[in-house]
């Protein structure tokens, strides 16, 4: 997750669990790209609005909770 944020936001690092995507320079287009990347890399369904309301730590928690939930057939 940190790598995706740093790449999309062009940051050298310095992120914490409390980092806010928009406060660090993100916008609606970048959060949409982040949602697609997470869905692809972590094989979970997340939307840009879900990620928009969460800091980095909360996004990680969301992804972990979705990865442990069995998918419907």
Protein backbone atom coordinates (compact mmCIF):
# COMPACT_ATOMS: atom_id res chain seq x y z
CA UNK A 1 0.00 0.00 0.00
CA UNK A 2 2.73 2.45 0.92
CA UNK A 3 4.43 1.78 -2.40
CA UNK A 4 1.23 2.45 -4.34
CA UNK A 5 0.63 5.70 -2.47
CA UNK A 6 4.21 6.87 -2.99
CA UNK A 7 4.12 6.03 -6.67
CA UNK A 8 0.77 7.68 -7.37
CA UNK A 9 1.48 10.75 -5.24
CA UNK A 10 5.15 10.94 -6.29
CA UNK A 11 6.31 10.90 -2.70
CA UNK A 12 9.70 9.71 -1.47
CA UNK A 13 8.13 8.17 1.66
CA UNK A 14 7.32 9.52 5.09
CA UNK A 15 3.85 8.03 5.29
CA UNK A 16 2.22 6.85 8.50
CA UNK A 17 -0.96 4.93 9.29
CA UNK A 18 -2.66 8.29 9.78
CA UNK A 19 -1.65 9.73 6.40
CA UNK A 20 -4.54 11.18 4.40
CA UNK A 21 -4.45 10.62 0.64
CA UNK A 22 -5.92 14.00 -0.23
CA UNK A 23 -3.85 15.95 2.29
CA UNK A 24 -0.74 14.40 0.70
CA UNK A 25 -1.66 15.70 -2.75
CA UNK A 26 -4.14 13.13 -4.02
CA UNK A 27 -7.24 13.92 -6.03
CA UNK A 28 -10.31 12.09 -7.30
CA UNK A 29 -8.55 10.72 -10.38
CA UNK A 30 -5.64 9.36 -8.35
CA UNK A 31 -7.92 7.73 -5.75
CA UNK A 32 -9.72 6.00 -8.63
CA UNK A 33 -6.39 4.70 -9.93
CA UNK A 34 -5.51 3.55 -6.41
CA UNK A 35 -8.82 1.65 -6.12
CA UNK A 36 -8.18 -0.13 -9.44
CA UNK A 37 -4.63 -0.97 -8.44
CA UNK A 38 -5.72 -2.39 -5.07
CA UNK A 39 -8.44 -4.46 -6.73
CA UNK A 40 -5.92 -5.88 -9.18
CA UNK A 41 -2.96 -6.44 -6.85
CA UNK A 42 -4.80 -7.64 -3.75
CA UNK A 43 -7.73 -9.31 -5.54
CA UNK A 44 -10.37 -7.44 -3.54
CA UNK A 45 -13.18 -5.18 -4.62
CA UNK A 46 -12.85 -1.62 -3.34
CA UNK A 47 -14.24 1.62 -4.66
CA UNK A 48 -12.77 5.10 -4.78
CA UNK A 49 -15.45 6.45 -2.38
CA UNK A 50 -14.62 3.72 0.16
CA UNK A 51 -10.94 4.66 0.04
CA UNK A 52 -11.66 8.40 0.10
CA UNK A 53 -13.08 8.21 3.60
CA UNK A 54 -10.10 6.33 5.05
CA UNK A 55 -6.52 7.10 5.98
CA UNK A 56 -3.70 4.73 5.00
CA UNK A 57 -4.06 2.52 8.07
CA UNK A 58 -7.81 2.25 7.62
CA UNK A 59 -7.35 1.35 3.95
CA UNK A 60 -5.03 -1.49 4.92
CA UNK A 61 -7.58 -2.73 7.46
CA UNK A 62 -10.32 -2.61 4.82
CA UNK A 63 -8.23 -4.63 2.37
CA UNK A 64 -7.33 -7.21 5.00
CA UNK A 65 -10.99 -7.63 5.95
CA UNK A 66 -11.99 -8.14 2.33
CA UNK A 67 -9.23 -10.67 1.69
CA UNK A 68 -10.35 -12.88 4.58
CA UNK A 69 -14.00 -12.84 3.50
CA UNK A 70 -14.86 -15.81 1.26
CA UNK A 71 -16.07 -14.79 -2.18
CA UNK A 72 -19.53 -15.83 -3.30
CA UNK A 73 -19.65 -18.45 -6.05
